[in-house]
Amino acid sequence: MGNRGGILATAGVLAVLTACSTPAPAPVANTTTPAAPSTSKPAPTSDAPNLGNGPGSQPPTTPQPPPPHSPDKVTSACPFLGVTESSAVMGVVLDTYAVEEAPTSQQGATTHHCNYASRTGGRQLFDLYVTVVPGTGQVAALVKEWTKRCLEPATPIADVEGTTRTCKLNDNVAGNGRGYGDVMLLVVKKSHGQTRLAELFMRPFAADVYAKLARLLSDRL
């Protein structure tokens, strides 16, 4: 399910940034091909926060640093959402840990990806993409672009700073019959002279869980 965020980020940035430039450049074809989900378990990175303990794992030797509160510069996605706090919000014990993937860039916009991999080989629970777009004048256009592939109109989440949406995803978003997640939680915020978008792909949960996760992400964007 992790590839869908990268596809949306690339498509959204190309469409919106191209539309806002003068003169408009020729359309750029999106040739990104979704990669098949990896069956190997990647190693956790040292800056992955609040990993918690999976089944059979050893306790961490040193405490993990707290996630940032709206950092001046976004350099990774994993610090924006820890596994331990996500487990507390959901009321479940997660068997996952966080792995920071390599960032991607398109026309000045950079997307960071945190892959929450299963410790026991089970189904991946999360994928988090944090995209940074220069400037703050494109929020409405970016939200529209990022929610194009929702199965139904995206639902706003009340009482969260910034612009938030949640929706069920189209199972055929990549045109190959393979879904990349059941639900997308989108948080968009103007911060430090930028527009920052957090896309969290996850399994279905109750509406109050989406709201709590949206608040965590909004505070940190």
Protein backbone atom coordinates (compact mmCIF):
# COMPACT_ATOMS: atom_id res chain seq x y z
CA MET A 1 0.00 0.00 0.00
CA GLY A 2 3.01 2.29 0.31
CA ASN A 3 3.39 3.19 -3.34
CA ARG A 4 0.11 5.02 -3.67
CA GLY A 5 1.31 8.01 -1.63
CA GLY A 6 4.27 8.47 -3.92
CA ILE A 7 2.01 8.33 -6.98
CA LEU A 8 -0.36 10.92 -5.56
CA ALA A 9 2.47 13.19 -4.46
CA THR A 10 4.12 13.11 -7.87
CA ALA A 11 0.85 13.61 -9.76
CA GLY A 12 -0.38 16.33 -7.43
CA VAL A 13 2.84 18.31 -7.46
CA LEU A 14 3.20 18.12 -11.23
CA ALA A 15 -0.41 19.12 -11.84
CA VAL A 16 -0.62 21.97 -9.34
CA LEU A 17 2.85 23.46 -9.71
CA THR A 18 2.61 23.29 -13.49
CA ALA A 19 -0.78 25.05 -13.44
CA CYS A 20 0.58 27.89 -11.25
CA SER A 21 3.72 28.66 -13.32
CA THR A 22 3.91 31.26 -16.12
CA PRO A 23 4.23 30.39 -18.90
CA ALA A 24 2.83 26.87 -18.44
CA PRO A 25 5.32 24.15 -19.42
CA ALA A 26 4.36 21.21 -21.57
CA PRO A 27 2.54 18.43 -19.64
CA VAL A 28 4.90 15.91 -18.07
CA ALA A 29 3.85 12.31 -18.38
CA ASN A 30 3.84 10.36 -15.16
CA THR A 31 5.85 7.24 -15.94
CA THR A 32 6.12 6.02 -12.38
CA THR A 33 5.31 2.33 -12.15
CA PRO A 34 4.11 1.14 -8.71
CA ALA A 35 6.56 -1.34 -7.26
CA ALA A 36 5.33 -4.64 -5.91
CA PRO A 37 5.11 -4.73 -2.10
CA SER A 38 8.36 -5.99 -0.63
CA THR A 39 8.31 -9.34 1.15
CA SER A 40 11.56 -8.65 3.01
CA LYS A 41 11.62 -6.89 6.37
CA PRO A 42 13.75 -3.71 6.23
CA ALA A 43 15.96 -2.75 9.13
CA PRO A 44 14.69 0.05 11.39
CA THR A 45 16.50 3.36 11.12
CA SER A 46 18.13 5.01 14.08
CA ASP A 47 15.86 8.07 13.95
CA ALA A 48 12.59 6.16 13.85
CA PRO A 49 10.74 7.43 16.96
CA ASN A 50 8.74 5.66 19.62
CA LEU A 51 9.06 2.21 18.11
CA GLY A 52 7.57 0.30 21.01
CA ASN A 53 8.11 -3.44 21.45
CA GLY A 54 6.92 -6.00 18.96
CA PRO A 55 6.29 -9.64 19.82
CA GLY A 56 9.58 -11.24 20.82
CA SER A 57 11.58 -8.04 20.54
CA GLN A 58 13.98 -6.74 23.15
CA PRO A 59 13.31 -3.47 25.01
CA PRO A 60 15.12 -0.48 23.51
CA THR A 61 18.40 0.33 25.23
CA THR A 62 17.89 4.11 25.08
CA PRO A 63 14.71 6.20 25.04
CA GLN A 64 13.67 7.46 21.63
CA PRO A 65 13.52 11.27 21.17
CA PRO A 66 10.06 12.85 21.03
CA PRO A 67 8.72 13.80 17.58
CA PRO A 68 9.29 17.43 16.56
CA HIS A 69 6.78 20.20 17.03
CA SER A 70 6.58 21.84 13.61
CA PRO A 71 10.26 21.74 12.66
CA ASP A 72 11.72 24.58 10.60
CA LYS A 73 12.82 22.05 8.00
CA VAL A 74 11.28 18.67 7.20
CA THR A 75 14.00 16.06 6.68
CA SER A 76 12.08 12.81 7.29
CA ALA A 77 8.58 11.42 7.82
CA CYS A 78 8.98 8.89 10.64
CA PRO A 79 9.38 11.45 13.45
CA PHE A 80 5.90 12.80 12.72
CA LEU A 81 4.12 9.69 13.98
CA GLY A 82 5.47 7.19 16.51
CA VAL A 83 4.29 3.59 16.78
CA THR A 84 3.82 3.68 20.55
CA GLU A 85 1.56 6.74 20.48
CA SER A 86 -0.37 5.37 17.48
CA SER A 87 -0.99 2.19 19.46
CA ALA A 88 -2.31 4.25 22.37
CA VAL A 89 -4.63 6.27 20.12
CA MET A 90 -6.05 3.14 18.50
CA GLY A 91 -6.31 1.08 21.66
CA VAL A 92 -4.47 -1.82 20.03
CA VAL A 93 -1.02 -3.41 20.33
CA LEU A 94 0.87 -2.85 17.08
CA ASP A 95 3.50 -5.31 15.87
CA THR A 96 5.13 -2.74 13.59
CA TYR A 97 8.23 -0.54 13.53
CA ALA A 98 9.17 2.53 11.50
CA VAL A 99 11.61 2.64 8.58
CA GLU A 100 12.51 5.87 6.78
CA GLU A 101 12.62 5.41 3.01
CA ALA A 102 14.57 7.57 0.55
CA PRO A 103 12.82 10.90 -0.24
CA THR A 104 11.70 11.84 -3.74
CA SER A 105 11.52 15.28 -5.38
CA GLN A 106 9.53 16.77 -8.25
CA GLN A 107 9.65 20.42 -9.39
CA GLY A 108 10.75 21.77 -6.02
CA ALA A 109 8.39 19.63 -3.91
CA THR A 110 9.90 16.89 -1.73
CA THR A 111 8.09 13.82 -0.39
CA HIS A 112 9.37 11.86 2.63
CA HIS A 113 8.08 8.34 3.24
CA CYS A 114 7.88 6.35 6.47
CA ASN A 115 7.16 2.65 6.04
CA TYR A 116 5.67 1.00 9.15
CA ALA A 117 6.76 -2.58 8.63
CA SER A 118 5.46 -5.64 10.47
CA ARG A 119 7.82 -7.30 12.94
CA THR A 120 6.15 -10.67 12.44
CA GLY A 121 5.55 -10.65 8.69
CA GLY A 122 1.89 -9.69 9.01
CA ARG A 123 0.03 -7.05 7.08
CA GLN A 124 1.59 -3.60 7.10
CA LEU A 125 -0.55 -1.19 9.13
CA PHE A 126 0.63 2.27 8.08
CA ASP A 127 2.29 4.24 5.35
CA LEU A 128 3.03 7.92 6.01
CA TYR A 129 4.05 10.41 3.32
CA VAL A 130 4.99 13.99 4.22
CA THR A 131 5.23 16.30 1.20
CA VAL A 132 6.63 19.83 1.33
CA VAL A 133 5.48 22.24 -1.42
CA PRO A 134 7.06 25.72 -1.69
CA GLY A 135 4.66 28.59 -0.95
CA THR A 136 1.27 28.70 0.75
CA GLY A 137 -1.13 29.79 -1.99
CA GLN A 138 -2.14 26.41 -3.40
CA VAL A 139 -3.91 24.65 -0.52
CA ALA A 140 -7.31 24.26 -2.20
CA ALA A 141 -5.78 22.98 -5.44
CA LEU A 142 -3.51 20.55 -3.60
CA VAL A 143 -6.35 19.14 -1.49
CA LYS A 144 -8.44 18.63 -4.63
CA GLU A 145 -5.56 16.87 -6.39
CA TRP A 146 -4.63 14.68 -3.40
CA THR A 147 -8.23 13.41 -2.98
CA LYS A 148 -8.99 12.65 -6.63
CA ARG A 149 -8.72 8.91 -6.13
CA CYS A 150 -11.01 8.69 -3.13
CA LEU A 151 -13.82 6.20 -3.66
CA GLU A 152 -16.33 8.72 -2.26
CA PRO A 153 -16.11 12.46 -1.50
CA ALA A 154 -13.52 13.06 1.22
CA THR A 155 -14.92 13.88 4.67
CA PRO A 156 -13.56 16.90 6.59
CA ILE A 157 -12.39 16.39 10.17
CA ALA A 158 -13.54 19.12 12.55
CA ASP A 159 -11.51 20.93 15.22
CA VAL A 160 -8.11 20.27 13.69
CA GLU A 161 -5.81 23.12 12.64
CA GLY A 162 -5.24 23.19 8.90
CA THR A 163 -7.25 21.32 6.28
CA THR A 164 -8.04 17.68 6.96
CA ARG A 165 -9.83 14.99 4.99
CA THR A 166 -10.40 11.27 5.29
CA CYS A 167 -11.76 8.89 2.68
CA LYS A 168 -11.98 5.30 1.56
CA LEU A 169 -9.65 4.56 -1.32
CA ASN A 170 -10.46 3.25 -4.74
CA ASP A 171 -9.22 -0.37 -4.87
CA ASN A 172 -8.01 0.19 -8.42
CA VAL A 173 -6.09 3.42 -7.90
CA ALA A 174 -3.11 2.28 -9.92
CA GLY A 175 -5.14 0.65 -12.68
CA ASN A 176 -3.88 -2.81 -11.83
CA GLY A 177 -6.54 -4.03 -9.42
CA ARG A 178 -4.27 -3.77 -6.41
CA GLY A 179 -5.29 -1.51 -3.54
CA TYR A 180 -2.69 0.54 -1.68
CA GLY A 181 -4.56 0.93 1.57
CA ASP A 182 -8.13 1.04 2.83
CA VAL A 183 -8.32 4.60 4.16
CA MET A 184 -6.39 7.79 3.53
CA LEU A 185 -6.07 10.47 6.20
CA LEU A 186 -4.89 13.77 4.70
CA VAL A 187 -3.68 16.75 6.73
CA VAL A 188 -2.64 19.95 4.92
CA LYS A 189 -1.15 22.92 6.74
CA LYS A 190 0.59 26.20 5.94
CA SER A 191 3.80 26.15 7.96
CA HIS A 192 7.15 27.99 7.83
CA GLY A 193 6.30 29.56 4.46
CA GLN A 194 5.48 26.17 2.96
CA THR A 195 2.48 23.95 2.37
CA ARG A 196 2.98 20.64 4.16
CA LEU A 197 0.83 17.61 3.42
CA ALA A 198 0.73 14.43 5.49
CA GLU A 199 -0.90 11.39 3.87
CA LEU A 200 -1.48 8.48 6.23
CA PHE A 201 -2.66 5.24 4.61
CA MET A 202 -4.18 2.86 7.12
CA ARG A 203 -6.84 0.27 7.87
CA PRO A 204 -10.37 1.40 8.77
CA PHE A 205 -10.87 2.67 12.32
CA ALA A 206 -13.48 4.70 14.18
CA ALA A 207 -13.87 8.39 13.33
CA ASP A 208 -12.43 9.52 16.67
CA VAL A 209 -9.18 7.67 15.87
CA TYR A 210 -8.84 9.59 12.60
CA ALA A 211 -9.42 12.86 14.48
CA LYS A 212 -6.77 12.09 17.11
CA LEU A 213 -4.19 11.08 14.51
CA ALA A 214 -5.02 14.19 12.46
CA ARG A 215 -4.37 16.40 15.49
CA LEU A 216 -1.01 14.75 16.14
CA LEU A 217 0.06 15.27 12.52
CA SER A 218 -1.28 18.82 12.34
CA ASP A 219 0.58 19.86 15.49
CA ARG A 220 3.84 18.56 14.02
CA LEU A 221 3.48 19.90 10.48
